[in-house]
C-alpha atoms as a PDB file:
ATOM      1  CA  MET A   1      80.622  76.233 151.292  1.00  0.00           C
ATOM      2  CA  THR A   2      80.018  72.665 150.146  1.00  0.00           C
ATOM      3  CA  GLU A   3      82.410  70.847 147.816  1.00  0.00           C
ATOM      4  CA  LYS A   4      81.643  67.648 145.905  1.00  0.00           C
ATOM      5  CA  THR A   5      83.980  65.591 143.728  1.00  0.00           C
ATOM      6  CA  TYR A   6      83.098  62.835 141.279  1.00  0.00           C
ATOM      7  CA  THR A   7      85.330  60.568 139.196  1.00  0.00           C
ATOM      8  CA  ARG A   8      84.018  58.563 136.249  1.00  0.00           C
ATOM      9  CA  THR A   9      86.079  55.890 134.508  1.00  0.00           C
ATOM     10  CA  LEU A  10      86.078  56.320 130.731  1.00  0.00           C
ATOM     11  CA  GLY A  11      88.292  53.347 129.950  1.00  0.00           C
ATOM     12  CA  GLU A  12      91.257  51.459 131.337  1.00  0.00           C
ATOM     13  CA  ASN A  13      93.547  54.481 131.123  1.00  0.00           C
ATOM     14  CA  ALA A  14      91.140  57.422 131.001  1.00  0.00           C
ATOM     15  CA  ARG A  15      88.829  59.136 133.467  1.00  0.00           C
ATOM     16  CA  LYS A  16      86.814  62.316 133.968  1.00  0.00           C
ATOM     17  CA  ARG A  17      87.066  64.181 137.247  1.00  0.00           C
ATOM     18  CA  HIS A  18      84.495  66.808 138.218  1.00  0.00           C
ATOM     19  CA  SER A  19      84.321  68.909 141.349  1.00  0.00           C
ATOM     20  CA  HIS A  20      82.223  71.897 142.238  1.00  0.00           C
ATOM     21  CA  LYS A  21      81.679  74.174 145.200  1.00  0.00           C
ATOM     22  CA  THR A  22      78.297  75.600 146.057  1.00  0.00           C
ATOM     23  CA  GLU A  23      77.235  78.408 148.319  1.00  0.00           C
ATOM     24  CA  LYS A  24      73.564  78.916 149.170  1.00  0.00           C
ATOM     25  CA  GLY A  25      72.623  76.486 146.387  1.00  0.00           C
ATOM     26  CA  LYS A  26      74.640  78.228 143.647  1.00  0.00           C
ATOM     27  CA  VAL A  27      77.812  76.900 141.997  1.00  0.00           C
ATOM     28  CA  VAL A  28      80.648  79.302 142.834  1.00  0.00           C
ATOM     29  CA  ASP A  29      83.593  77.253 141.524  1.00  0.00           C
ATOM     30  CA  PHE A  30      84.057  74.171 139.328  1.00  0.00           C
ATOM     31  CA  VAL A  31      86.609  71.955 137.593  1.00  0.00           C
ATOM     32  CA  VAL A  32      85.909  69.336 134.924  1.00  0.00           C
ATOM     33  CA  GLN A  33      88.978  67.535 133.696  1.00  0.00           C
ATOM     34  CA  MET A  34      89.873  64.559 131.530  1.00  0.00           C
ATOM     35  CA  GLU A  35      92.883  62.582 132.695  1.00  0.00           C
ATOM     36  CA  VAL A  36      94.872  59.755 131.118  1.00  0.00           C
ATOM     37  CA  ARG A  37      97.174  57.308 132.835  1.00  0.00           C
ATOM     38  CA  VAL A  38     100.718  57.481 131.483  1.00  0.00           C
ATOM     39  CA  GLU A  39     103.349  55.186 132.950  1.00  0.00           C
ATOM     40  CA  GLY A  40     101.169  54.616 136.018  1.00  0.00           C
ATOM     41  CA  GLN A  41     100.467  58.301 136.745  1.00  0.00           C
ATOM     42  CA  TRP A  42      97.279  60.272 136.027  1.00  0.00           C
ATOM     43  CA  LYS A  43      97.933  63.300 133.795  1.00  0.00           C
ATOM     44  CA  SER A  44      95.508  66.092 133.007  1.00  0.00           C
ATOM     45  CA  VAL A  45      94.777  66.368 129.278  1.00  0.00           C
ATOM     46  CA  ILE A  46      92.078  69.028 129.191  1.00  0.00           C
ATOM     47  CA  ARG A  47      90.508  71.028 131.995  1.00  0.00           C
ATOM     48  CA  TYR A  48      87.562  73.409 132.153  1.00  0.00           C
ATOM     49  CA  ASP A  49      87.473  75.657 135.211  1.00  0.00           C
ATOM     50  CA  CYS A  50      86.932  79.203 136.425  1.00  0.00           C
ATOM     51  CA  SER A  51      90.269  79.770 138.148  1.00  0.00           C
ATOM     52  CA  HIS A  52      90.696  83.188 136.473  1.00  0.00           C
ATOM     53  CA  ASN A  53      87.235  84.384 137.548  1.00  0.00           C
ATOM     54  CA  PHE A  54      85.661  83.209 134.279  1.00  0.00           C
ATOM     55  CA  ALA A  55      85.036  79.843 132.644  1.00  0.00           C
ATOM     56  CA  HIS A  56      87.820  78.745 130.310  1.00  0.00           C
ATOM     57  CA  VAL A  57      89.661  75.680 128.998  1.00  0.00           C
ATOM     58  CA  ASP A  58      93.280  74.593 129.476  1.00  0.00           C
ATOM     59  CA  ARG A  59      94.822  72.013 127.151  1.00  0.00           C
ATOM     60  CA  LYS A  60      97.829  70.351 128.712  1.00  0.00           C
ATOM     61  CA  GLY A  61     100.853  68.443 127.516  1.00  0.00           C
ATOM     62  CA  ALA A  62     101.476  66.719 124.210  1.00  0.00           C
ATOM     63  CA  PHE A  63      97.917  65.341 124.116  1.00  0.00           C
ATOM     64  CA  HIS A  64      96.223  68.645 123.219  1.00  0.00           C
ATOM     65  CA  GLU A  65      97.079  68.315 119.524  1.00  0.00           C
ATOM     66  CA  TYR A  66      94.630  65.368 119.333  1.00  0.00           C
ATOM     67  CA  LEU A  67      91.683  67.207 120.929  1.00  0.00           C
END
């Protein structure tokens, strides 16, 4: 299984992180997440993944009310 991770800066205190695993050329797992830096630490705001065997979204922390 091959895993790749990418991080893209969206601003001074925001970034998007994406990772996926492939097997025989097919994506078998993924995570796409937006993070913000709060008091010097990166915090997940929203995350799309398939950790429960299906694609879904998790909104995290106090930030989700703005999404």
